[in-house]
Amino acid sequence: MYKNNELLFPHRSTSSLRHIRNGKWQELVDRIAELPEADPDSLAFSLMMIRLCGCLKCQPGSYKLSLGCSTCAKRTLAGFKRSDTALLRRFRVAKEEIEEYLSVNGVNLSDEKQFGHSLPPHP
């Protein structure tokens, strides 16, 4: 029914969030949108958005899923009552978690052999 929708925040939706907030948020979104999907900062941004939007609770047939990830994320950010500083702090925490996971598990995202194939290009 919603075959084009994701269940977790996709990197391709990042740029749609630029104008939801101002200043440093826009700088962050612009920087992340230009990165490859598998870049640790892109992964951290997606992790932050997955947590903010509650993507793990999104289910097929739900209203949120029918909206699509970009719309859901825009609504979530527009309704986020805390400051941009709080959002940037959440990004830094997610980045630290991603870096720790990659380090502990010996994952090198630039090593295509590790995945058995090349990562797909960003559409």
C-alpha atoms as a PDB file:
ATOM      1  CA  MET A   1       0.000   0.000   0.000  1.00  0.00           C
ATOM      2  CA  TYR A   2       2.808   2.449   0.912  1.00  0.00           C
ATOM      3  CA  LYS A   3       5.535   0.807  -1.102  1.00  0.00           C
ATOM      4  CA  ASN A   4       7.670   3.957  -1.396  1.00  0.00           C
ATOM      5  CA  ASN A   5       7.715   4.749   2.307  1.00  0.00           C
ATOM      6  CA  GLU A   6      10.549   3.899   4.638  1.00  0.00           C
ATOM      7  CA  LEU A   7      10.191   2.609   8.170  1.00  0.00           C
ATOM      8  CA  LEU A   8      13.296   4.452   9.381  1.00  0.00           C
ATOM      9  CA  PHE A   9      14.301   8.030   8.580  1.00  0.00           C
ATOM     10  CA  PRO A  10      16.074   7.975   5.191  1.00  0.00           C
ATOM     11  CA  HIS A  11      19.083  10.137   4.362  1.00  0.00           C
ATOM     12  CA  ARG A  12      17.349  11.449   1.246  1.00  0.00           C
ATOM     13  CA  SER A  13      14.806  13.275   3.448  1.00  0.00           C
ATOM     14  CA  THR A  14      17.479  15.327   5.207  1.00  0.00           C
ATOM     15  CA  SER A  15      17.456  18.335   2.868  1.00  0.00           C
ATOM     16  CA  SER A  16      13.676  18.723   3.276  1.00  0.00           C
ATOM     17  CA  LEU A  17      14.286  19.691   6.916  1.00  0.00           C
ATOM     18  CA  ARG A  18      16.429  22.744   6.184  1.00  0.00           C
ATOM     19  CA  HIS A  19      13.779  25.441   6.598  1.00  0.00           C
ATOM     20  CA  ILE A  20      12.038  23.982   9.640  1.00  0.00           C
ATOM     21  CA  ARG A  21      14.443  25.732  12.009  1.00  0.00           C
ATOM     22  CA  ASN A  22      17.093  28.453  11.699  1.00  0.00           C
ATOM     23  CA  GLY A  23      20.788  29.150  12.102  1.00  0.00           C
ATOM     24  CA  LYS A  24      22.994  26.282  13.181  1.00  0.00           C
ATOM     25  CA  TRP A  25      20.246  23.767  12.374  1.00  0.00           C
ATOM     26  CA  GLN A  26      20.284  24.874   8.734  1.00  0.00           C
ATOM     27  CA  GLU A  27      24.071  24.638   8.671  1.00  0.00           C
ATOM     28  CA  LEU A  28      23.910  21.098  10.043  1.00  0.00           C
ATOM     29  CA  VAL A  29      21.228  20.002   7.574  1.00  0.00           C
ATOM     30  CA  ASP A  30      23.141  21.501   4.624  1.00  0.00           C
ATOM     31  CA  ARG A  31      26.330  19.710   5.670  1.00  0.00           C
ATOM     32  CA  ILE A  32      24.649  16.352   6.287  1.00  0.00           C
ATOM     33  CA  ALA A  33      22.634  16.466   3.052  1.00  0.00           C
ATOM     34  CA  GLU A  34      25.881  16.726   1.060  1.00  0.00           C
ATOM     35  CA  LEU A  35      27.478  13.702   2.734  1.00  0.00           C
ATOM     36  CA  PRO A  36      27.163  10.122   1.515  1.00  0.00           C
ATOM     37  CA  GLU A  37      24.478   8.062   3.213  1.00  0.00           C
ATOM     38  CA  ALA A  38      27.065   5.829   4.931  1.00  0.00           C
ATOM     39  CA  ASP A  39      29.097   8.698   6.387  1.00  0.00           C
ATOM     40  CA  PRO A  40      29.178   8.493  10.203  1.00  0.00           C
ATOM     41  CA  ASP A  41      27.670  11.993  10.471  1.00  0.00           C
ATOM     42  CA  SER A  42      24.821  10.988   8.141  1.00  0.00           C
ATOM     43  CA  LEU A  43      24.218   7.894  10.218  1.00  0.00           C
ATOM     44  CA  ALA A  44      24.235   9.987  13.401  1.00  0.00           C
ATOM     45  CA  PHE A  45      21.732  12.429  11.914  1.00  0.00           C
ATOM     46  CA  SER A  46      19.456   9.571  10.880  1.00  0.00           C
ATOM     47  CA  LEU A  47      19.759   7.996  14.329  1.00  0.00           C
ATOM     48  CA  MET A  48      18.813  11.309  15.934  1.00  0.00           C
ATOM     49  CA  MET A  49      15.793  11.669  13.638  1.00  0.00           C
ATOM     50  CA  ILE A  50      14.734   8.034  14.181  1.00  0.00           C
ATOM     51  CA  ARG A  51      14.655   8.707  17.896  1.00  0.00           C
ATOM     52  CA  LEU A  52      12.910  12.084  17.618  1.00  0.00           C
ATOM     53  CA  CYS A  53      10.261  10.831  15.201  1.00  0.00           C
ATOM     54  CA  GLY A  54       9.681   7.523  16.948  1.00  0.00           C
ATOM     55  CA  CYS A  55      10.388   5.566  13.763  1.00  0.00           C
ATOM     56  CA  LEU A  56      10.741   2.294  15.680  1.00  0.00           C
ATOM     57  CA  LYS A  57       7.075   2.565  16.621  1.00  0.00           C
ATOM     58  CA  CYS A  58       5.915   3.413  13.090  1.00  0.00           C
ATOM     59  CA  GLN A  59       3.951   0.551  11.605  1.00  0.00           C
ATOM     60  CA  PRO A  60       2.507  -0.300   8.207  1.00  0.00           C
ATOM     61  CA  GLY A  61      -0.980   1.119   7.976  1.00  0.00           C
ATOM     62  CA  SER A  62      -0.329   3.867  10.517  1.00  0.00           C
ATOM     63  CA  TYR A  63      -1.210   7.485   9.867  1.00  0.00           C
ATOM     64  CA  LYS A  64       2.420   8.539  10.378  1.00  0.00           C
ATOM     65  CA  LEU A  65       3.601   6.099   7.738  1.00  0.00           C
ATOM     66  CA  SER A  66       0.969   7.349   5.311  1.00  0.00           C
ATOM     67  CA  LEU A  67       2.392  10.880   5.700  1.00  0.00           C
ATOM     68  CA  GLY A  68       5.857   9.773   4.664  1.00  0.00           C
ATOM     69  CA  CYS A  69       9.157  10.344   6.419  1.00  0.00           C
ATOM     70  CA  SER A  70       9.774  13.905   5.256  1.00  0.00           C
ATOM     71  CA  THR A  71       6.375  15.138   6.407  1.00  0.00           C
ATOM     72  CA  CYS A  72       6.584  13.237   9.683  1.00  0.00           C
ATOM     73  CA  ALA A  73      10.069  14.640  10.366  1.00  0.00           C
ATOM     74  CA  LYS A  74       8.979  18.197   9.519  1.00  0.00           C
ATOM     75  CA  ARG A  75       6.027  17.923  11.890  1.00  0.00           C
ATOM     76  CA  THR A  76       8.207  16.469  14.619  1.00  0.00           C
ATOM     77  CA  LEU A  77      10.789  19.244  14.319  1.00  0.00           C
ATOM     78  CA  ALA A  78       8.150  21.971  14.112  1.00  0.00           C
ATOM     79  CA  GLY A  79       6.631  20.637  17.317  1.00  0.00           C
ATOM     80  CA  PHE A  80       9.966  20.251  19.102  1.00  0.00           C
ATOM     81  CA  LYS A  81       9.685  22.873  21.831  1.00  0.00           C
ATOM     82  CA  ARG A  82      13.312  22.883  22.866  1.00  0.00           C
ATOM     83  CA  SER A  83      16.056  25.030  21.342  1.00  0.00           C
ATOM     84  CA  ASP A  84      18.246  24.364  18.339  1.00  0.00           C
ATOM     85  CA  THR A  85      21.065  23.899  20.852  1.00  0.00           C
ATOM     86  CA  ALA A  86      19.140  20.957  22.315  1.00  0.00           C
ATOM     87  CA  LEU A  87      18.773  19.456  18.829  1.00  0.00           C
ATOM     88  CA  LEU A  88      22.467  19.892  18.125  1.00  0.00           C
ATOM     89  CA  ARG A  89      23.251  18.258  21.464  1.00  0.00           C
ATOM     90  CA  ARG A  90      21.112  15.276  20.423  1.00  0.00           C
ATOM     91  CA  PHE A  91      23.078  15.092  17.177  1.00  0.00           C
ATOM     92  CA  ARG A  92      26.403  15.121  19.070  1.00  0.00           C
ATOM     93  CA  VAL A  93      25.199  12.325  21.365  1.00  0.00           C
ATOM     94  CA  ALA A  94      24.094  10.238  18.368  1.00  0.00           C
ATOM     95  CA  LYS A  95      27.439  10.938  16.669  1.00  0.00           C
ATOM     96  CA  GLU A  96      29.342   9.747  19.731  1.00  0.00           C
ATOM     97  CA  GLU A  97      27.242   6.568  19.788  1.00  0.00           C
ATOM     98  CA  ILE A  98      27.855   5.893  16.087  1.00  0.00           C
ATOM     99  CA  GLU A  99      31.595   6.498  16.457  1.00  0.00           C
ATOM    100  CA  GLU A 100      31.757   4.211  19.479  1.00  0.00           C
ATOM    101  CA  TYR A 101      29.826   1.458  17.706  1.00  0.00           C
ATOM    102  CA  LEU A 102      32.045   1.658  14.634  1.00  0.00           C
ATOM    103  CA  SER A 103      35.198   1.641  16.747  1.00  0.00           C
ATOM    104  CA  VAL A 104      34.173  -1.201  19.061  1.00  0.00           C
ATOM    105  CA  ASN A 105      32.979  -3.363  16.174  1.00  0.00           C
ATOM    106  CA  GLY A 106      35.867  -2.540  13.841  1.00  0.00           C
ATOM    107  CA  VAL A 107      33.576  -1.238  11.119  1.00  0.00           C
ATOM    108  CA  ASN A 108      35.191   0.814   8.370  1.00  0.00           C
ATOM    109  CA  LEU A 109      32.408   2.313   6.264  1.00  0.00           C
ATOM    110  CA  SER A 110      34.774   3.147   3.421  1.00  0.00           C
ATOM    111  CA  ASP A 111      35.806  -0.510   3.054  1.00  0.00           C
ATOM    112  CA  GLU A 112      33.408  -1.967   0.465  1.00  0.00           C
ATOM    113  CA  LYS A 113      34.847  -5.475   0.934  1.00  0.00           C
ATOM    114  CA  GLN A 114      33.493  -5.475   4.464  1.00  0.00           C
ATOM    115  CA  PHE A 115      29.936  -5.365   3.131  1.00  0.00           C
ATOM    116  CA  GLY A 116      30.441  -7.737   0.207  1.00  0.00           C
ATOM    117  CA  HIS A 117      29.291  -5.065  -2.238  1.00  0.00           C
ATOM    118  CA  SER A 118      29.579  -1.380  -2.835  1.00  0.00           C
ATOM    119  CA  LEU A 119      27.160   0.849  -1.035  1.00  0.00           C
ATOM    120  CA  PRO A 120      24.457   2.148  -3.348  1.00  0.00           C
ATOM    121  CA  PRO A 121      24.916   5.715  -4.575  1.00  0.00           C
ATOM    122  CA  HIS A 122      22.700   8.408  -3.109  1.00  0.00           C
ATOM    123  CA  PRO A 123      19.737   8.887  -5.521  1.00  0.00           C
END
